[in-house]
Structures are given as C-alpha cells and as structure tokens.
Amino acid sequence: MKIMLNGEERTLNGEWSLTRLMEELQLPPQRVAVEVNRQLVTRACFGQTLLHEGDQVEIVTLVGGG
C-alpha cells in the first residue's frame, strides 16, 4: 500500500500500525506527535491505529533544549 508520510509517498508491505511505523523509523513514541488524515492520534492508540492505502501521516519530532 502507499501512504503519504510527511508529504512524501512511501510504500508499505503488509499490515502496518503506527507502532510498527515508529519502530521502522526508529522514532521513540514519547518524542513524537502523529496525525493520520489530519486527526491527532494519542500514543495510547498507536498500536491500534492501522494504516490504509492513501492515508496521510504527519509526524513531528519533539526536541527539548534551551
């Protein structure tokens, strides 16, 4: 299936949850904010949120510092 990830097309094979996507991208879930089709997804729902053909996923990495 094809999704849009931060504005770029990405092909995924098989069933993907947001948890699997975070693991593949090596992003710690506690340091990101994720929207799927313009809807904010809470971290608690990453494992239950399955991606589908044509989904638009936006991931913002949170950076600390001063």
C-alpha atoms as a PDB file:
ATOM      1  CA  MET A   1       0.000   0.000   0.000  1.00  0.00           C
ATOM      2  CA  LYS A   2       1.052   3.596  -0.467  1.00  0.00           C
ATOM      3  CA  ILE A   3       0.764   6.314   2.152  1.00  0.00           C
ATOM      4  CA  MET A   4       1.945   9.892   2.309  1.00  0.00           C
ATOM      5  CA  LEU A   5       4.460  10.352   5.134  1.00  0.00           C
ATOM      6  CA  ASN A   6       5.306  13.985   5.865  1.00  0.00           C
ATOM      7  CA  GLY A   7       4.439  14.870   2.270  1.00  0.00           C
ATOM      8  CA  GLU A   8       6.427  12.056   0.628  1.00  0.00           C
ATOM      9  CA  GLU A   9       4.973   8.883  -0.833  1.00  0.00           C
ATOM     10  CA  ARG A  10       6.043   5.707   0.951  1.00  0.00           C
ATOM     11  CA  THR A  11       5.231   2.103   0.055  1.00  0.00           C
ATOM     12  CA  LEU A  12       4.477  -0.315   2.895  1.00  0.00           C
ATOM     13  CA  ASN A  13       4.020  -4.066   2.517  1.00  0.00           C
ATOM     14  CA  GLY A  14       1.566  -5.907   4.728  1.00  0.00           C
ATOM     15  CA  GLU A  15      -0.363  -4.594   7.714  1.00  0.00           C
ATOM     16  CA  TRP A  16       1.135  -1.577   9.489  1.00  0.00           C
ATOM     17  CA  SER A  17       0.195   0.092  12.735  1.00  0.00           C
ATOM     18  CA  LEU A  18       1.613   3.390  13.918  1.00  0.00           C
ATOM     19  CA  THR A  19       3.690   1.434  16.448  1.00  0.00           C
ATOM     20  CA  ARG A  20       5.303  -0.553  13.645  1.00  0.00           C
ATOM     21  CA  LEU A  21       5.918   2.628  11.658  1.00  0.00           C
ATOM     22  CA  MET A  22       7.598   4.287  14.676  1.00  0.00           C
ATOM     23  CA  GLU A  23       9.817   1.211  15.106  1.00  0.00           C
ATOM     24  CA  GLU A  24      10.740   1.186  11.414  1.00  0.00           C
ATOM     25  CA  LEU A  25      11.618   4.890  11.525  1.00  0.00           C
ATOM     26  CA  GLN A  26      13.467   4.396  14.837  1.00  0.00           C
ATOM     27  CA  LEU A  27      11.420   7.125  16.498  1.00  0.00           C
ATOM     28  CA  PRO A  28      10.628   6.850  20.211  1.00  0.00           C
ATOM     29  CA  PRO A  29       6.829   7.243  20.590  1.00  0.00           C
ATOM     30  CA  GLN A  30       7.212   9.510  23.625  1.00  0.00           C
ATOM     31  CA  ARG A  31       9.040  12.094  21.487  1.00  0.00           C
ATOM     32  CA  VAL A  32       6.624  12.452  18.573  1.00  0.00           C
ATOM     33  CA  ALA A  33       3.206  13.825  17.748  1.00  0.00           C
ATOM     34  CA  VAL A  34       1.338  11.991  14.975  1.00  0.00           C
ATOM     35  CA  GLU A  35      -1.622  12.887  12.793  1.00  0.00           C
ATOM     36  CA  VAL A  36      -3.345  10.468  10.438  1.00  0.00           C
ATOM     37  CA  ASN A  37      -5.596  12.148   7.899  1.00  0.00           C
ATOM     38  CA  ARG A  38      -5.448  15.373   9.940  1.00  0.00           C
ATOM     39  CA  GLN A  39      -6.599  13.678  13.145  1.00  0.00           C
ATOM     40  CA  LEU A  40      -4.233  13.680  16.114  1.00  0.00           C
ATOM     41  CA  VAL A  41      -3.546  10.157  17.392  1.00  0.00           C
ATOM     42  CA  THR A  42      -2.638   9.654  21.045  1.00  0.00           C
ATOM     43  CA  ARG A  43       0.321   7.434  21.906  1.00  0.00           C
ATOM     44  CA  ALA A  44      -2.014   5.022  23.676  1.00  0.00           C
ATOM     45  CA  CYS A  45      -3.704   4.364  20.303  1.00  0.00           C
ATOM     46  CA  PHE A  46      -0.558   3.836  18.165  1.00  0.00           C
ATOM     47  CA  GLY A  47      -0.794   0.034  18.335  1.00  0.00           C
ATOM     48  CA  GLN A  48      -4.488   0.029  17.457  1.00  0.00           C
ATOM     49  CA  THR A  49      -4.217   2.548  14.622  1.00  0.00           C
ATOM     50  CA  LEU A  50      -3.777   0.653  11.368  1.00  0.00           C
ATOM     51  CA  LEU A  51      -2.643   2.425   8.235  1.00  0.00           C
ATOM     52  CA  HIS A  52      -4.586   2.131   4.984  1.00  0.00           C
ATOM     53  CA  GLU A  53      -3.981   2.880   1.331  1.00  0.00           C
ATOM     54  CA  GLY A  54      -3.812   6.636   0.754  1.00  0.00           C
ATOM     55  CA  ASP A  55      -3.503   7.638   4.420  1.00  0.00           C
ATOM     56  CA  GLN A  56      -1.720  10.913   5.078  1.00  0.00           C
ATOM     57  CA  VAL A  57       0.591  10.634   8.078  1.00  0.00           C
ATOM     58  CA  GLU A  58       2.357  13.607   9.610  1.00  0.00           C
ATOM     59  CA  ILE A  59       4.997  13.029  12.289  1.00  0.00           C
ATOM     60  CA  VAL A  60       6.527  15.852  14.274  1.00  0.00           C
ATOM     61  CA  THR A  61       9.532  15.103  16.472  1.00  0.00           C
ATOM     62  CA  LEU A  62       9.631  16.921  19.798  1.00  0.00           C
ATOM     63  CA  VAL A  63      13.039  18.347  20.678  1.00  0.00           C
ATOM     64  CA  GLY A  64      13.980  19.636  24.109  1.00  0.00           C
ATOM     65  CA  GLY A  65      16.637  22.133  24.933  1.00  0.00           C
ATOM     66  CA  GLY A  66      17.159  25.702  25.800  1.00  0.00           C
END
